[in-house]
Amino acid sequence: MPVPVFVGAGTGVVVTTGTGTVTKTGCTAGNVLFLHVYEDQLASENSRSNRVNIEALNGVDNADSLYQSGLSVGSGPQVGNHVLFCGRVMADGTCSWDITVGAAGADLTSRIYEFSGVNTGPSIDKIGENLGGSGGGRYRQVAGTNTTPGDAAVVTSGGRELALAFVLLQGQQSIGNFTGETGGDWAEVAEYSHTTGTGCTMQLQTAEMLAPGTIDGGTMTITSAPWGVLGLALFPANPSDTPSVAWLTA
């Protein structure tokens, strides 16, 4: 079984009023999508709608599955919310979500990430894991305000999993990989930042976990800012999901 693969990221989008569309082109049917959202206040009236070519993990068309309901980043009037939603590509082509700023006027920053070779299943615990974390063991999270953001320890119970670290900083900064981690090697695969409104930096790092274990202890150096990291690991596809040599050559 090959390790799941990061396919690519869509265009980063910031919405300060009304509704904006977050898009990824060139998607492949059956691949897994994550919608990464940051709202610069804890504003629950912000919303998603008009999911195009996306189905929830339970197979409902033009829907999605909540993965993580929010990690608070910062404090006081500048506290923000760091959220992940998940879905599958319905057919080859473009996928998109609409995101809408609510009455509180909290700016929204968002991006779509696509992954191939991920296990199938009707719920988030069938496609990935994070043992020992919060929320029923489904995710790990860590946040702070300083110059040395740290990774969220990702624990894998099986082999050939792909660990993910979704990183969020308040404010625009160019950042690099976590360093000093043990159990694996974090590497940046996507980064988006802007100075519109509150401004933020959104990054994804991955690490191949070929055997059961824990990747932890990585840090990076930034100009002091509120930050948050969400961690998880994706299971590889079931053997039954992968074409066999027999019928590939038939």
Protein backbone atom coordinates (compact mmCIF):
# COMPACT_ATOMS: atom_id res chain seq x y z
CA MET A 1 0.00 0.00 0.00
CA PRO A 2 1.50 3.36 -0.97
CA VAL A 3 1.44 6.30 1.42
CA PRO A 4 -1.37 8.83 0.69
CA VAL A 5 -0.17 11.66 -1.53
CA PHE A 6 -0.64 15.42 -1.29
CA VAL A 7 -1.91 16.33 -4.78
CA GLY A 8 -2.03 20.10 -4.46
CA ALA A 9 -3.70 23.21 -3.08
CA GLY A 10 -6.24 25.58 -4.54
CA THR A 11 -5.90 29.34 -4.61
CA GLY A 12 -5.96 30.99 -1.19
CA VAL A 13 -8.97 33.26 -0.67
CA VAL A 14 -9.69 36.04 1.84
CA VAL A 15 -13.26 37.33 2.27
CA THR A 16 -13.89 40.50 4.29
CA THR A 17 -17.59 40.98 3.46
CA GLY A 18 -20.32 39.01 1.75
CA THR A 19 -19.58 35.68 0.07
CA GLY A 20 -16.47 34.37 -1.65
CA THR A 21 -15.74 31.13 -3.52
CA VAL A 22 -12.82 28.86 -2.59
CA THR A 23 -11.82 26.73 -5.58
CA LYS A 24 -9.46 23.95 -6.61
CA THR A 25 -9.19 22.95 -10.25
CA GLY A 26 -8.05 19.63 -11.74
CA CYS A 27 -9.49 17.47 -8.95
CA THR A 28 -9.77 13.68 -9.37
CA ALA A 29 -12.91 11.70 -8.51
CA GLY A 30 -12.64 9.90 -5.16
CA ASN A 31 -9.79 12.01 -3.81
CA VAL A 32 -10.11 13.57 -0.34
CA LEU A 33 -10.41 17.34 0.11
CA PHE A 34 -9.84 19.46 3.20
CA LEU A 35 -11.22 23.00 3.45
CA HIS A 36 -8.98 24.97 5.82
CA VAL A 37 -10.71 28.06 7.24
CA TYR A 38 -9.56 30.81 9.58
CA GLU A 39 -12.00 33.38 10.95
CA ASP A 40 -10.48 36.35 12.77
CA GLN A 41 -13.13 36.28 15.50
CA LEU A 42 -15.09 33.48 17.17
CA ALA A 43 -18.07 34.29 14.95
CA SER A 44 -20.34 31.26 14.66
CA GLU A 45 -22.65 32.97 12.17
CA ASN A 46 -20.03 32.64 9.43
CA SER A 47 -21.17 29.91 7.04
CA ARG A 48 -20.42 27.57 4.13
CA SER A 49 -22.77 26.88 1.24
CA ASN A 50 -23.01 25.88 -2.44
CA ARG A 51 -20.58 22.97 -2.28
CA VAL A 52 -19.83 22.10 -5.92
CA ASN A 53 -18.59 18.64 -7.00
CA ILE A 54 -17.99 17.69 -3.35
CA GLU A 55 -19.66 14.94 -1.34
CA ALA A 56 -19.58 14.30 2.38
CA LEU A 57 -17.70 11.21 3.54
CA ASN A 58 -21.04 9.43 4.04
CA GLY A 59 -21.81 9.90 0.34
CA VAL A 60 -24.25 12.81 0.51
CA ASP A 61 -23.79 14.86 -2.67
CA ASN A 62 -22.86 18.55 -2.50
CA ALA A 63 -22.21 18.37 1.23
CA ASP A 64 -19.20 18.12 3.53
CA SER A 65 -18.10 16.59 6.83
CA LEU A 66 -16.91 18.67 9.80
CA TYR A 67 -13.49 17.49 10.87
CA GLN A 68 -12.53 19.98 13.58
CA SER A 69 -14.96 22.49 15.02
CA GLY A 70 -12.33 25.05 15.91
CA LEU A 71 -9.02 25.82 17.57
CA SER A 72 -8.85 29.23 19.22
CA VAL A 73 -5.83 31.27 18.15
CA GLY A 74 -4.89 34.40 20.09
CA SER A 75 -6.85 36.01 22.91
CA GLY A 76 -9.10 38.95 23.75
CA PRO A 77 -10.60 40.88 20.82
CA GLN A 78 -8.09 39.26 18.44
CA VAL A 79 -8.99 35.65 19.20
CA GLY A 80 -9.70 33.68 16.04
CA ASN A 81 -11.04 30.28 15.02
CA HIS A 82 -9.12 27.65 13.05
CA VAL A 83 -11.47 25.08 11.39
CA LEU A 84 -11.24 22.07 9.04
CA PHE A 85 -13.95 20.51 6.87
CA CYS A 86 -13.57 17.37 4.76
CA GLY A 87 -15.16 15.88 1.64
CA ARG A 88 -14.55 13.77 -1.47
CA VAL A 89 -14.35 14.76 -5.11
CA MET A 90 -17.50 13.59 -6.92
CA ALA A 91 -16.19 13.77 -10.50
CA ASP A 92 -13.00 14.86 -12.25
CA GLY A 93 -12.88 18.65 -12.50
CA THR A 94 -13.23 21.76 -10.36
CA CYS A 95 -14.42 21.66 -6.73
CA SER A 96 -15.49 24.66 -4.66
CA TRP A 97 -17.05 25.88 -1.45
CA ASP A 98 -18.73 29.26 -0.86
CA ILE A 99 -17.88 30.94 2.46
CA THR A 100 -19.86 33.86 3.85
CA VAL A 101 -18.90 36.52 6.39
CA GLY A 102 -21.58 36.89 9.06
CA ALA A 103 -23.02 39.88 10.88
CA ALA A 104 -19.97 40.24 13.14
CA GLY A 105 -17.83 40.99 10.08
CA ALA A 106 -15.10 38.47 10.92
CA ASP A 107 -12.71 38.13 7.96
CA LEU A 108 -12.40 34.62 6.54
CA THR A 109 -9.25 33.11 5.02
CA SER A 110 -9.49 29.73 3.30
CA ARG A 111 -7.81 27.21 1.01
CA ILE A 112 -8.57 23.71 -0.34
CA TYR A 113 -6.07 20.83 -0.19
CA GLU A 114 -6.41 17.59 -2.21
CA PHE A 115 -5.04 14.11 -1.34
CA SER A 116 -5.01 10.83 -3.26
CA GLY A 117 -4.57 7.22 -2.11
CA VAL A 118 -6.62 7.73 1.07
CA ASN A 119 -8.71 4.99 2.67
CA THR A 120 -12.43 5.00 1.93
CA GLY A 121 -15.15 5.14 4.56
CA PRO A 122 -18.27 7.04 5.61
CA SER A 123 -16.72 8.99 8.50
CA ILE A 124 -13.56 10.82 9.43
CA ASP A 125 -12.28 8.01 11.65
CA LYS A 126 -12.26 5.67 8.62
CA ILE A 127 -9.97 7.87 6.52
CA GLY A 128 -7.56 8.98 9.21
CA GLU A 129 -6.61 9.06 12.85
CA ASN A 130 -4.79 10.78 15.59
CA LEU A 131 -4.62 8.48 18.54
CA GLY A 132 -4.32 10.05 21.96
CA GLY A 133 -5.68 13.41 20.87
CA SER A 134 -8.78 15.35 21.85
CA GLY A 135 -12.24 14.93 20.33
CA GLY A 136 -12.45 11.14 20.61
CA GLY A 137 -8.85 10.64 19.53
CA ARG A 138 -9.45 12.16 16.10
CA TYR A 139 -7.17 15.15 16.14
CA ARG A 140 -4.33 16.86 17.95
CA GLN A 141 -4.06 20.59 18.49
CA VAL A 142 -1.71 23.10 20.07
CA ALA A 143 -1.70 26.91 20.18
CA GLY A 144 0.24 29.75 21.71
CA THR A 145 1.62 33.28 21.31
CA ASN A 146 5.41 33.39 21.06
CA THR A 147 8.32 33.13 18.61
CA THR A 148 8.57 29.31 18.53
CA PRO A 149 5.41 27.54 17.30
CA GLY A 150 5.55 23.78 17.88
CA ASP A 151 4.01 20.88 16.01
CA ALA A 152 0.98 18.96 17.27
CA ALA A 153 2.24 15.44 18.02
CA VAL A 154 0.74 12.99 15.52
CA VAL A 155 0.52 9.34 16.57
CA THR A 156 0.03 6.63 13.93
CA SER A 157 -1.13 3.10 14.73
CA GLY A 158 -0.51 1.62 11.28
CA GLY A 159 2.10 1.83 8.57
CA ARG A 160 2.31 3.97 5.45
CA GLU A 161 0.22 6.85 6.80
CA LEU A 162 0.61 10.53 5.89
CA ALA A 163 0.83 12.90 8.84
CA LEU A 164 -0.54 16.41 8.32
CA ALA A 165 0.11 19.65 10.22
CA PHE A 166 -2.24 22.56 9.44
CA VAL A 167 -0.46 25.70 10.66
CA LEU A 168 -2.05 29.13 11.20
CA LEU A 169 -0.38 32.41 12.24
CA GLN A 170 -2.10 35.73 12.85
CA GLY A 171 -0.39 38.21 10.53
CA GLN A 172 1.61 37.81 7.34
CA GLN A 173 4.96 36.03 7.64
CA SER A 174 7.07 33.76 5.46
CA ILE A 175 7.67 30.56 7.42
CA GLY A 176 9.53 27.29 6.88
CA ASN A 177 9.46 23.67 7.99
CA PHE A 178 9.32 22.48 11.56
CA THR A 179 12.79 21.35 12.63
CA GLY A 180 14.09 19.20 15.47
CA GLU A 181 11.19 16.74 15.37
CA THR A 182 11.65 13.03 16.06
CA GLY A 183 9.82 10.08 14.54
CA GLY A 184 9.51 11.62 11.08
CA ASP A 185 10.34 14.64 8.96
CA TRP A 186 7.93 17.55 8.48
CA ALA A 187 8.10 19.34 5.11
CA GLU A 188 6.07 22.31 3.89
CA VAL A 189 3.91 21.53 0.84
CA ALA A 190 1.75 24.69 0.70
CA GLU A 191 1.72 28.21 2.16
CA TYR A 192 -0.59 31.21 1.71
CA SER A 193 -0.46 34.58 3.44
CA HIS A 194 -2.03 38.00 3.09
CA THR A 195 -2.26 41.39 4.82
CA THR A 196 -5.94 42.08 4.11
CA GLY A 197 -7.94 42.93 7.23
CA THR A 198 -6.37 41.13 10.19
CA GLY A 199 -3.98 39.25 7.90
CA CYS A 200 -2.80 35.70 8.42
CA THR A 201 -0.46 32.95 7.26
CA MET A 202 -1.84 29.50 6.43
CA GLN A 203 0.50 26.55 5.88
CA LEU A 204 0.36 22.76 5.40
CA GLN A 205 3.23 20.42 6.27
CA THR A 206 3.29 16.64 5.70
CA ALA A 207 5.39 13.71 6.85
CA GLU A 208 5.39 10.12 5.59
CA MET A 209 4.99 7.66 8.48
CA LEU A 210 6.06 4.29 7.11
CA ALA A 211 5.67 2.47 10.44
CA PRO A 212 3.58 3.01 13.59
CA GLY A 213 4.99 5.80 15.70
CA THR A 214 4.86 9.44 16.79
CA ILE A 215 6.17 12.54 15.09
CA ASP A 216 6.68 15.28 17.66
CA GLY A 217 9.02 17.97 18.95
CA GLY A 218 9.30 20.11 15.84
CA THR A 219 9.49 23.90 16.16
CA MET A 220 9.98 26.91 13.91
CA THR A 221 11.09 30.48 14.57
CA ILE A 222 8.82 33.43 13.74
CA THR A 223 8.25 37.01 14.74
CA SER A 224 6.11 36.68 17.84
CA ALA A 225 2.44 36.15 16.95
CA PRO A 226 -0.60 34.08 17.96
CA TRP A 227 -0.43 30.67 16.24
CA GLY A 228 -2.21 27.33 16.15
CA VAL A 229 -1.52 23.87 14.70
CA LEU A 230 -3.97 21.04 13.95
CA GLY A 231 -2.52 17.55 13.40
CA LEU A 232 -3.85 14.28 11.99
CA ALA A 233 -2.79 11.33 9.85
CA LEU A 234 -4.42 9.83 6.75
CA PHE A 235 -4.79 6.07 6.32
CA PRO A 236 -3.62 4.52 3.02
CA ALA A 237 -6.22 3.06 0.67
CA ASN A 238 -7.63 -0.40 1.39
CA PRO A 239 -6.06 -3.13 -0.74
CA SER A 240 -9.52 -3.57 -2.29
CA ASP A 241 -9.46 0.10 -3.36
CA THR A 242 -6.24 -0.36 -5.31
CA PRO A 243 -6.24 -1.88 -8.84
CA SER A 244 -4.64 -5.32 -8.92
CA VAL A 245 -1.94 -6.33 -11.39
CA ALA A 246 -4.30 -8.95 -12.81
CA TRP A 247 -6.95 -6.57 -13.99
CA LEU A 248 -4.57 -3.76 -14.81
CA THR A 249 -2.95 -6.02 -17.40
CA ALA A 250 -6.10 -7.79 -18.59
